[in-house]
Amino acid sequence: MTPALKKLVESTQAAAPRGGAPEPQALLSAIRGSLFDLDLLADEHRRANPDTYTRHVLYADPHGLFTILAIVWSPGQGSPVHAHHTWCAVGVYAGELTETFFRITPGDVQPRVVREVQRGPGDSCFDSGRDGIHRIENRSCELAISIHVYGVGADRITTGVNRVYPVAA
């Protein structure tokens, strides 16, 4: 574990204490404090997959309280439209990402776009895991990397994080 990752882990542990609710501002501070540390990621955590965005687990809390990921986005790659089952803090480490927010109201068949935000290195956001619906995409011509801290153990990263919504093609 690099010193920068150790610092992020310790800050996250303080911001998301065992048996307590996460503190959004403290989580954002923890993420922001790591986004300019060049030694945060090892070379293997910067590797992309040409077919889909790539998740690299950086740290899994032994009590299953949270998991820290680096997600590598090649140009043109994006997530599905989704909401989270848990809280999540995200920061852009490298490149630029577009976050599109959606809303679904009674009677809607599919979520509707509400707004878009461009996020560059150092930008961060927090989702409580209640009502936010969004999609993250790399619309640039360069590789992008984001750091995500999810309020679930590593064993639930693929099943306990996203609630995916169908959208028209």
N, C-alpha and C. Protein backbone atom coordinates (compact mmCIF):
# COMPACT_ATOMS: atom_id res chain seq x y z
N MET A 1 0.84 -1.17 0.00
CA MET A 1 0.00 0.00 0.00
C MET A 1 0.90 1.25 0.00
N THR A 2 0.64 2.13 -0.94
CA THR A 2 1.44 3.35 -1.02
C THR A 2 1.08 4.29 0.14
N PRO A 3 1.95 5.22 0.48
CA PRO A 3 1.61 6.19 1.53
C PRO A 3 0.34 6.99 1.21
N ALA A 4 0.13 7.34 -0.05
CA ALA A 4 -1.06 8.09 -0.44
C ALA A 4 -2.32 7.26 -0.25
N LEU A 5 -2.26 5.97 -0.60
CA LEU A 5 -3.42 5.10 -0.42
C LEU A 5 -3.67 4.89 1.08
N LYS A 6 -2.61 4.72 1.84
CA LYS A 6 -2.77 4.56 3.29
C LYS A 6 -3.47 5.77 3.89
N LYS A 7 -3.09 6.95 3.46
CA LYS A 7 -3.72 8.18 3.94
C LYS A 7 -5.21 8.22 3.57
N LEU A 8 -5.54 7.82 2.34
CA LEU A 8 -6.94 7.78 1.91
C LEU A 8 -7.73 6.77 2.73
N VAL A 9 -7.16 5.60 2.98
CA VAL A 9 -7.83 4.57 3.79
C VAL A 9 -8.11 5.10 5.19
N GLU A 10 -7.10 5.67 5.82
CA GLU A 10 -7.25 6.18 7.19
C GLU A 10 -8.28 7.31 7.25
N SER A 11 -8.26 8.20 6.28
CA SER A 11 -9.24 9.29 6.24
C SER A 11 -10.65 8.74 6.02
N THR A 12 -10.78 7.72 5.19
CA THR A 12 -12.09 7.11 4.94
C THR A 12 -12.58 6.40 6.19
N GLN A 13 -11.70 5.70 6.88
CA GLN A 13 -12.10 5.04 8.13
C GLN A 13 -12.64 6.05 9.14
N ALA A 14 -12.03 7.20 9.21
CA ALA A 14 -12.49 8.24 10.14
C ALA A 14 -13.82 8.83 9.68
N ALA A 15 -14.02 8.94 8.38
CA ALA A 15 -15.23 9.56 7.83
C ALA A 15 -16.41 8.59 7.76
N ALA A 16 -16.13 7.30 7.77
CA ALA A 16 -17.18 6.27 7.70
C ALA A 16 -16.95 5.26 8.82
N PRO A 17 -17.14 5.70 10.07
CA PRO A 17 -16.82 4.85 11.22
C PRO A 17 -17.70 3.62 11.32
N ARG A 18 -17.14 2.60 11.86
CA ARG A 18 -17.88 1.35 12.08
C ARG A 18 -19.05 1.61 13.00
N GLY A 19 -20.24 1.24 12.55
CA GLY A 19 -21.44 1.44 13.35
C GLY A 19 -22.03 2.83 13.26
N GLY A 20 -21.42 3.71 12.48
CA GLY A 20 -21.93 5.07 12.35
C GLY A 20 -22.24 5.42 10.91
N ALA A 21 -22.94 6.52 10.75
CA ALA A 21 -23.27 6.99 9.41
C ALA A 21 -22.05 7.69 8.80
N PRO A 22 -21.89 7.59 7.48
CA PRO A 22 -20.76 8.30 6.84
C PRO A 22 -20.95 9.80 6.92
N GLU A 23 -19.86 10.51 6.99
CA GLU A 23 -19.88 11.97 7.00
C GLU A 23 -19.50 12.45 5.60
N PRO A 24 -20.47 12.91 4.80
CA PRO A 24 -20.19 13.28 3.40
C PRO A 24 -19.04 14.26 3.22
N GLN A 25 -19.00 15.33 3.98
CA GLN A 25 -17.95 16.32 3.80
C GLN A 25 -16.58 15.74 4.14
N ALA A 26 -16.51 14.88 5.15
CA ALA A 26 -15.24 14.25 5.51
C ALA A 26 -14.81 13.26 4.43
N LEU A 27 -15.77 12.55 3.84
CA LEU A 27 -15.43 11.64 2.74
C LEU A 27 -14.93 12.41 1.53
N LEU A 28 -15.59 13.52 1.21
CA LEU A 28 -15.14 14.35 0.09
C LEU A 28 -13.75 14.90 0.36
N SER A 29 -13.50 15.30 1.58
CA SER A 29 -12.17 15.80 1.94
C SER A 29 -11.12 14.71 1.78
N ALA A 30 -11.47 13.49 2.17
CA ALA A 30 -10.54 12.36 2.04
C ALA A 30 -10.21 12.10 0.57
N ILE A 31 -11.25 12.08 -0.27
CA ILE A 31 -11.05 11.85 -1.71
C ILE A 31 -10.21 12.99 -2.30
N ARG A 32 -10.61 14.23 -2.03
CA ARG A 32 -9.88 15.38 -2.59
C ARG A 32 -8.42 15.37 -2.19
N GLY A 33 -8.15 14.93 -0.96
CA GLY A 33 -6.78 14.91 -0.48
C GLY A 33 -5.89 13.90 -1.18
N SER A 34 -6.51 12.98 -1.92
CA SER A 34 -5.71 11.94 -2.60
C SER A 34 -5.59 12.15 -4.10
N LEU A 35 -6.38 13.04 -4.66
CA LEU A 35 -6.47 13.14 -6.12
C LEU A 35 -5.25 13.71 -6.80
N PHE A 36 -4.37 14.35 -6.06
CA PHE A 36 -3.17 14.91 -6.67
C PHE A 36 -1.90 14.19 -6.20
N ASP A 37 -2.09 13.07 -5.48
CA ASP A 37 -0.94 12.26 -5.05
C ASP A 37 -0.56 11.32 -6.19
N LEU A 38 0.56 11.59 -6.83
CA LEU A 38 0.97 10.79 -7.98
C LEU A 38 1.24 9.34 -7.63
N ASP A 39 1.57 9.05 -6.36
CA ASP A 39 1.85 7.66 -5.98
C ASP A 39 0.62 6.92 -5.47
N LEU A 40 -0.58 7.49 -5.62
CA LEU A 40 -1.79 6.80 -5.17
C LEU A 40 -1.97 5.48 -5.89
N LEU A 41 -1.73 5.47 -7.19
CA LEU A 41 -2.00 4.28 -8.00
C LEU A 41 -0.72 3.63 -8.50
N ALA A 42 -0.69 2.32 -8.38
CA ALA A 42 0.39 1.54 -8.99
C ALA A 42 0.09 1.43 -10.49
N ASP A 43 1.08 1.05 -11.26
CA ASP A 43 0.90 0.94 -12.71
C ASP A 43 -0.27 0.04 -13.08
N GLU A 44 -0.44 -1.07 -12.36
CA GLU A 44 -1.53 -2.00 -12.70
C GLU A 44 -2.91 -1.40 -12.46
N HIS A 45 -3.00 -0.36 -11.63
CA HIS A 45 -4.29 0.29 -11.36
C HIS A 45 -4.62 1.37 -12.39
N ARG A 46 -3.73 1.56 -13.35
CA ARG A 46 -3.94 2.55 -14.41
C ARG A 46 -4.27 1.88 -15.75
N ARG A 47 -4.38 0.56 -15.72
CA ARG A 47 -4.60 -0.18 -16.97
C ARG A 47 -6.07 -0.17 -17.38
N ALA A 48 -6.27 0.03 -18.66
CA ALA A 48 -7.62 0.08 -19.22
C ALA A 48 -7.93 -1.22 -19.95
N ASN A 49 -9.21 -1.42 -20.21
CA ASN A 49 -9.69 -2.53 -21.02
C ASN A 49 -10.32 -1.89 -22.25
N PRO A 50 -9.99 -2.34 -23.45
CA PRO A 50 -10.55 -1.69 -24.65
C PRO A 50 -12.06 -1.88 -24.79
N ASP A 51 -12.64 -2.86 -24.09
CA ASP A 51 -14.05 -3.17 -24.28
C ASP A 51 -14.99 -2.49 -23.28
N THR A 52 -14.51 -2.20 -22.08
CA THR A 52 -15.36 -1.62 -21.06
C THR A 52 -14.51 -0.91 -20.02
N TYR A 53 -15.14 -0.04 -19.24
CA TYR A 53 -14.38 0.60 -18.17
C TYR A 53 -13.90 -0.49 -17.20
N THR A 54 -12.79 -0.22 -16.53
CA THR A 54 -12.13 -1.24 -15.71
C THR A 54 -12.09 -0.82 -14.26
N ARG A 55 -12.57 -1.69 -13.38
CA ARG A 55 -12.54 -1.45 -11.94
C ARG A 55 -11.32 -2.14 -11.34
N HIS A 56 -10.55 -1.39 -10.58
CA HIS A 56 -9.42 -1.95 -9.84
C HIS A 56 -9.66 -1.71 -8.35
N VAL A 57 -9.75 -2.78 -7.57
CA VAL A 57 -9.91 -2.63 -6.14
C VAL A 57 -8.58 -2.20 -5.54
N LEU A 58 -8.58 -1.04 -4.89
CA LEU A 58 -7.37 -0.53 -4.24
C LEU A 58 -7.30 -0.96 -2.78
N TYR A 59 -8.48 -1.02 -2.15
CA TYR A 59 -8.54 -1.39 -0.74
C TYR A 59 -9.94 -1.89 -0.42
N ALA A 60 -10.01 -2.98 0.33
CA ALA A 60 -11.27 -3.52 0.82
C ALA A 60 -11.21 -3.55 2.35
N ASP A 61 -12.10 -2.80 2.99
CA ASP A 61 -12.14 -2.78 4.44
C ASP A 61 -12.39 -4.20 4.96
N PRO A 62 -11.62 -4.67 5.94
CA PRO A 62 -11.78 -6.04 6.42
C PRO A 62 -13.13 -6.30 7.09
N HIS A 63 -13.83 -5.25 7.51
CA HIS A 63 -15.15 -5.39 8.14
C HIS A 63 -16.28 -5.21 7.13
N GLY A 64 -15.94 -5.01 5.85
CA GLY A 64 -16.94 -4.84 4.80
C GLY A 64 -17.63 -3.50 4.83
N LEU A 65 -17.02 -2.49 5.47
CA LEU A 65 -17.65 -1.17 5.59
C LEU A 65 -17.55 -0.35 4.30
N PHE A 66 -16.46 -0.50 3.57
CA PHE A 66 -16.27 0.27 2.34
C PHE A 66 -15.21 -0.39 1.48
N THR A 67 -15.21 -0.01 0.21
CA THR A 67 -14.22 -0.48 -0.75
C THR A 67 -13.78 0.73 -1.58
N ILE A 68 -12.48 0.83 -1.80
CA ILE A 68 -11.93 1.92 -2.61
C ILE A 68 -11.51 1.34 -3.96
N LEU A 69 -11.97 1.96 -5.03
CA LEU A 69 -11.68 1.51 -6.38
C LEU A 69 -11.05 2.63 -7.20
N ALA A 70 -10.22 2.24 -8.14
CA ALA A 70 -9.82 3.13 -9.24
C ALA A 70 -10.57 2.59 -10.45
N ILE A 71 -11.28 3.47 -11.14
CA ILE A 71 -11.97 3.06 -12.36
C ILE A 71 -11.30 3.78 -13.53
N VAL A 72 -10.87 2.98 -14.50
CA VAL A 72 -10.17 3.50 -15.67
C VAL A 72 -11.14 3.48 -16.86
N TRP A 73 -11.27 4.65 -17.48
CA TRP A 73 -12.21 4.85 -18.58
C TRP A 73 -11.42 5.18 -19.85
N SER A 74 -11.47 4.31 -20.84
CA SER A 74 -10.89 4.64 -22.14
C SER A 74 -11.82 5.63 -22.84
N PRO A 75 -11.32 6.33 -23.85
CA PRO A 75 -12.19 7.25 -24.58
C PRO A 75 -13.46 6.54 -25.08
N GLY A 76 -14.59 7.19 -24.87
CA GLY A 76 -15.87 6.66 -25.33
C GLY A 76 -16.56 5.70 -24.37
N GLN A 77 -15.91 5.31 -23.31
CA GLN A 77 -16.53 4.36 -22.38
C GLN A 77 -17.38 5.08 -21.35
N GLY A 78 -18.43 4.39 -20.89
CA GLY A 78 -19.29 4.97 -19.87
C GLY A 78 -20.04 3.90 -19.11
N SER A 79 -20.59 4.30 -18.00
CA SER A 79 -21.40 3.40 -17.18
C SER A 79 -22.81 3.35 -17.74
N PRO A 80 -23.59 2.36 -17.31
CA PRO A 80 -25.01 2.42 -17.64
C PRO A 80 -25.67 3.51 -16.77
N VAL A 81 -26.88 3.87 -17.10
CA VAL A 81 -27.66 4.76 -16.24
C VAL A 81 -27.99 3.96 -14.99
N HIS A 82 -27.64 4.51 -13.83
CA HIS A 82 -27.82 3.74 -12.60
C HIS A 82 -28.00 4.64 -11.38
N ALA A 83 -28.48 4.02 -10.33
CA ALA A 83 -28.53 4.63 -9.00
C ALA A 83 -27.74 3.70 -8.10
N HIS A 84 -27.38 4.18 -6.94
CA HIS A 84 -26.60 3.36 -6.01
C HIS A 84 -27.47 2.83 -4.89
N HIS A 85 -27.16 1.61 -4.47
CA HIS A 85 -27.79 1.02 -3.30
C HIS A 85 -27.12 1.50 -2.02
N THR A 86 -26.00 2.18 -2.14
CA THR A 86 -25.20 2.60 -1.01
C THR A 86 -24.61 3.98 -1.27
N TRP A 87 -24.00 4.56 -0.26
CA TRP A 87 -23.33 5.84 -0.45
C TRP A 87 -22.07 5.64 -1.29
N CYS A 88 -21.67 6.73 -1.93
CA CYS A 88 -20.48 6.68 -2.78
C CYS A 88 -19.85 8.06 -2.85
N ALA A 89 -18.55 8.12 -2.69
CA ALA A 89 -17.79 9.35 -2.91
C ALA A 89 -16.89 9.09 -4.11
N VAL A 90 -16.83 10.06 -5.02
CA VAL A 90 -16.08 9.91 -6.27
C VAL A 90 -15.23 11.15 -6.51
N GLY A 91 -14.02 10.93 -7.00
CA GLY A 91 -13.16 12.03 -7.41
C GLY A 91 -12.45 11.69 -8.70
N VAL A 92 -12.22 12.70 -9.52
CA VAL A 92 -11.51 12.49 -10.79
C VAL A 92 -10.01 12.65 -10.53
N TYR A 93 -9.28 11.60 -10.84
CA TYR A 93 -7.84 11.54 -10.64
C TYR A 93 -7.09 12.02 -11.89
N ALA A 94 -7.58 11.64 -13.05
CA ALA A 94 -6.93 12.02 -14.31
C ALA A 94 -7.98 12.09 -15.42
N GLY A 95 -7.77 12.98 -16.36
CA GLY A 95 -8.68 13.09 -17.49
C GLY A 95 -9.93 13.88 -17.16
N GLU A 96 -10.92 13.72 -18.01
CA GLU A 96 -12.19 14.42 -17.82
C GLU A 96 -13.34 13.45 -18.00
N LEU A 97 -14.33 13.56 -17.12
CA LEU A 97 -15.52 12.72 -17.19
C LEU A 97 -16.76 13.60 -17.23
N THR A 98 -17.79 13.11 -17.90
CA THR A 98 -19.08 13.79 -17.92
C THR A 98 -20.04 12.97 -17.08
N GLU A 99 -20.66 13.66 -16.12
CA GLU A 99 -21.68 13.01 -15.29
C GLU A 99 -23.03 13.57 -15.71
N THR A 100 -23.92 12.68 -16.14
CA THR A 100 -25.27 13.06 -16.53
C THR A 100 -26.23 12.60 -15.45
N PHE A 101 -27.06 13.55 -14.98
CA PHE A 101 -28.03 13.25 -13.93
C PHE A 101 -29.40 13.04 -14.55
N PHE A 102 -30.16 12.11 -13.98
CA PHE A 102 -31.49 11.75 -14.48
C PHE A 102 -32.50 11.85 -13.35
N ARG A 103 -33.76 11.90 -13.75
CA ARG A 103 -34.86 11.86 -12.79
C ARG A 103 -35.93 10.95 -13.36
N ILE A 104 -36.58 10.21 -12.49
CA ILE A 104 -37.71 9.40 -12.89
C ILE A 104 -38.87 9.76 -11.96
N THR A 105 -39.99 10.07 -12.54
CA THR A 105 -41.16 10.44 -11.76
C THR A 105 -42.27 9.43 -12.03
N PRO A 106 -43.27 9.38 -11.16
CA PRO A 106 -44.37 8.44 -11.40
C PRO A 106 -44.94 8.64 -12.80
N GLY A 107 -45.12 7.55 -13.47
CA GLY A 107 -45.63 7.59 -14.83
C GLY A 107 -44.53 7.53 -15.89
N ASP A 108 -43.28 7.84 -15.50
CA ASP A 108 -42.18 7.75 -16.45
C ASP A 108 -41.84 6.29 -16.71
N VAL A 109 -41.58 5.98 -17.95
CA VAL A 109 -41.14 4.63 -18.30
C VAL A 109 -39.63 4.53 -18.14
N GLN A 110 -38.94 5.61 -18.46
CA GLN A 110 -37.49 5.65 -18.37
C GLN A 110 -37.05 6.95 -17.70
N PRO A 111 -35.86 6.95 -17.11
CA PRO A 111 -35.35 8.19 -16.52
C PRO A 111 -35.15 9.26 -17.60
N ARG A 112 -35.33 10.53 -17.21
CA ARG A 112 -35.13 11.66 -18.11
C ARG A 112 -33.90 12.46 -17.68
N VAL A 113 -33.16 12.97 -18.65
CA VAL A 113 -31.97 13.78 -18.36
C VAL A 113 -32.39 15.08 -17.68
N VAL A 114 -31.66 15.42 -16.59
CA VAL A 114 -31.91 16.66 -15.86
C VAL A 114 -30.80 17.67 -16.14
N ARG A 115 -29.54 17.19 -16.06
CA ARG A 115 -28.40 18.09 -16.30
C ARG A 115 -27.13 17.27 -16.48
N GLU A 116 -26.10 17.95 -16.98
CA GLU A 116 -24.77 17.34 -17.14
C GLU A 116 -23.73 18.21 -16.46
N VAL A 117 -22.71 17.54 -15.92
CA VAL A 117 -21.60 18.23 -15.28
C VAL A 117 -20.30 17.65 -15.82
N GLN A 118 -19.39 18.53 -16.24
CA GLN A 118 -18.05 18.10 -16.65
C GLN A 118 -17.18 18.07 -15.40
N ARG A 119 -16.47 16.98 -15.20
CA ARG A 119 -15.61 16.85 -14.03
C ARG A 119 -14.18 16.58 -14.49
N GLY A 120 -13.26 17.42 -14.00
CA GLY A 120 -11.85 17.27 -14.32
C GLY A 120 -11.05 16.87 -13.10
N PRO A 121 -9.74 16.75 -13.24
CA PRO A 121 -8.89 16.34 -12.12
C PRO A 121 -9.13 17.22 -10.88
N GLY A 122 -9.35 16.55 -9.76
CA GLY A 122 -9.59 17.24 -8.49
C GLY A 122 -11.05 17.42 -8.15
N ASP A 123 -11.95 17.28 -9.14
CA ASP A 123 -13.38 17.41 -8.87
C ASP A 123 -13.87 16.17 -8.12
N SER A 124 -14.83 16.38 -7.22
CA SER A 124 -15.38 15.27 -6.47
C SER A 124 -16.86 15.48 -6.20
N CYS A 125 -17.55 14.40 -5.84
CA CYS A 125 -18.97 14.48 -5.51
C CYS A 125 -19.32 13.33 -4.58
N PHE A 126 -20.47 13.46 -3.93
CA PHE A 126 -20.95 12.45 -2.99
C PHE A 126 -22.39 12.12 -3.33
N ASP A 127 -22.74 10.84 -3.26
CA ASP A 127 -24.11 10.37 -3.48
C ASP A 127 -24.50 9.56 -2.24
N SER A 128 -25.59 9.94 -1.62
CA SER A 128 -26.04 9.26 -0.40
C SER A 128 -26.61 7.88 -0.66
N GLY A 129 -26.88 7.56 -1.92
CA GLY A 129 -27.43 6.25 -2.24
C GLY A 129 -28.94 6.19 -2.10
N ARG A 130 -29.58 7.34 -2.10
CA ARG A 130 -31.03 7.35 -1.94
C ARG A 130 -31.74 7.52 -3.28
N ASP A 131 -31.63 8.71 -3.86
CA ASP A 131 -32.45 9.02 -5.03
C ASP A 131 -31.67 9.38 -6.29
N GLY A 132 -30.36 9.52 -6.21
CA GLY A 132 -29.59 9.97 -7.36
C GLY A 132 -29.50 8.93 -8.46
N ILE A 133 -29.82 9.34 -9.66
CA ILE A 133 -29.67 8.49 -10.85
C ILE A 133 -28.70 9.22 -11.77
N HIS A 134 -27.67 8.51 -12.24
CA HIS A 134 -26.68 9.16 -13.09
C HIS A 134 -25.98 8.17 -14.01
N ARG A 135 -25.15 8.74 -14.87
CA ARG A 135 -24.27 7.98 -15.76
C ARG A 135 -22.95 8.75 -15.82
N ILE A 136 -21.85 8.03 -15.84
CA ILE A 136 -20.53 8.65 -16.00
C ILE A 136 -19.94 8.18 -17.32
N GLU A 137 -19.40 9.13 -18.09
CA GLU A 137 -18.83 8.80 -19.40
C GLU A 137 -17.53 9.56 -19.63
N ASN A 138 -16.65 8.92 -20.37
CA ASN A 138 -15.45 9.60 -20.85
C ASN A 138 -15.69 9.97 -22.31
N ARG A 139 -16.05 11.22 -22.53
CA ARG A 139 -16.32 11.71 -23.88
C ARG A 139 -15.08 12.31 -24.52
N SER A 140 -13.97 12.30 -23.81
CA SER A 140 -12.74 12.90 -24.33
C SER A 140 -11.97 11.89 -25.17
N CYS A 141 -10.84 12.34 -25.69
CA CYS A 141 -9.97 11.48 -26.49
C CYS A 141 -8.83 10.91 -25.66
N GLU A 142 -8.83 11.18 -24.37
CA GLU A 142 -7.77 10.75 -23.45
C GLU A 142 -8.32 9.77 -22.41
N LEU A 143 -7.45 8.97 -21.85
CA LEU A 143 -7.80 8.08 -20.75
C LEU A 143 -8.23 8.91 -19.54
N ALA A 144 -9.19 8.43 -18.78
CA ALA A 144 -9.62 9.09 -17.55
C ALA A 144 -9.61 8.06 -16.42
N ILE A 145 -9.31 8.52 -15.21
CA ILE A 145 -9.29 7.65 -14.03
C ILE A 145 -10.05 8.36 -12.92
N SER A 146 -10.95 7.63 -12.28
CA SER A 146 -11.68 8.17 -11.14
C SER A 146 -11.47 7.24 -9.94
N ILE A 147 -11.54 7.85 -8.75
CA ILE A 147 -11.41 7.11 -7.50
C ILE A 147 -12.79 7.07 -6.87
N HIS A 148 -13.25 5.88 -6.51
CA HIS A 148 -14.58 5.69 -5.93
C HIS A 148 -14.44 5.02 -4.58
N VAL A 149 -15.19 5.52 -3.61
CA VAL A 149 -15.29 4.86 -2.30
C VAL A 149 -16.76 4.52 -2.12
N TYR A 150 -17.06 3.22 -2.09
CA TYR A 150 -18.42 2.74 -1.93
C TYR A 150 -18.62 2.18 -0.52
N GLY A 151 -19.81 2.37 0.02
CA GLY A 151 -20.13 1.90 1.36
C GLY A 151 -20.55 0.45 1.42
N VAL A 152 -19.84 -0.41 0.72
CA VAL A 152 -20.06 -1.87 0.75
C VAL A 152 -18.72 -2.57 0.73
N GLY A 153 -18.72 -3.82 1.15
CA GLY A 153 -17.52 -4.62 1.09
C GLY A 153 -17.20 -5.03 -0.34
N ALA A 154 -15.98 -5.45 -0.57
CA ALA A 154 -15.53 -5.82 -1.93
C ALA A 154 -16.35 -6.96 -2.52
N ASP A 155 -16.88 -7.83 -1.66
CA ASP A 155 -17.67 -8.95 -2.15
C ASP A 155 -19.01 -8.49 -2.74
N ARG A 156 -19.39 -7.24 -2.51
CA ARG A 156 -20.67 -6.73 -3.02
C ARG A 156 -20.49 -5.64 -4.08
N ILE A 157 -19.27 -5.42 -4.52
CA ILE A 157 -19.04 -4.36 -5.52
C ILE A 157 -19.83 -4.61 -6.80
N THR A 158 -19.91 -5.82 -7.27
CA THR A 158 -20.62 -6.06 -8.53
C THR A 158 -22.12 -6.25 -8.34
N THR A 159 -22.58 -6.57 -7.13
CA THR A 159 -24.01 -6.81 -6.93
C THR A 159 -24.68 -5.81 -6.01
N GLY A 160 -23.94 -5.17 -5.13
CA GLY A 160 -24.55 -4.31 -4.12
C GLY A 160 -24.42 -2.84 -4.35
N VAL A 161 -23.90 -2.42 -5.49
CA VAL A 161 -23.66 -1.00 -5.72
C VAL A 161 -24.73 -0.40 -6.65
N ASN A 162 -24.87 -0.90 -7.85
CA ASN A 162 -25.68 -0.24 -8.86
C ASN A 162 -27.06 -0.85 -9.04
N ARG A 163 -28.04 0.03 -9.20
CA ARG A 163 -29.39 -0.33 -9.63
C ARG A 163 -29.50 0.27 -11.03
N VAL A 164 -29.45 -0.57 -12.05
CA VAL A 164 -29.37 -0.11 -13.44
C VAL A 164 -30.78 0.15 -14.00
N TYR A 165 -30.88 1.24 -14.78
CA TYR A 165 -32.14 1.64 -15.40
C TYR A 165 -32.02 1.47 -16.90
N PRO A 166 -33.05 0.93 -17.54
CA PRO A 166 -33.04 0.85 -19.01
C PRO A 166 -33.31 2.23 -19.60
N VAL A 167 -32.63 2.53 -20.68
CA VAL A 167 -32.87 3.78 -21.40
C VAL A 167 -32.98 3.47 -22.89
N ALA A 168 -33.68 4.33 -23.61
CA ALA A 168 -33.81 4.15 -25.05
C ALA A 168 -32.46 4.35 -25.73
N ALA A 169 -32.19 3.56 -26.72
CA ALA A 169 -30.93 3.67 -27.45
C ALA A 169 -30.92 4.85 -28.37
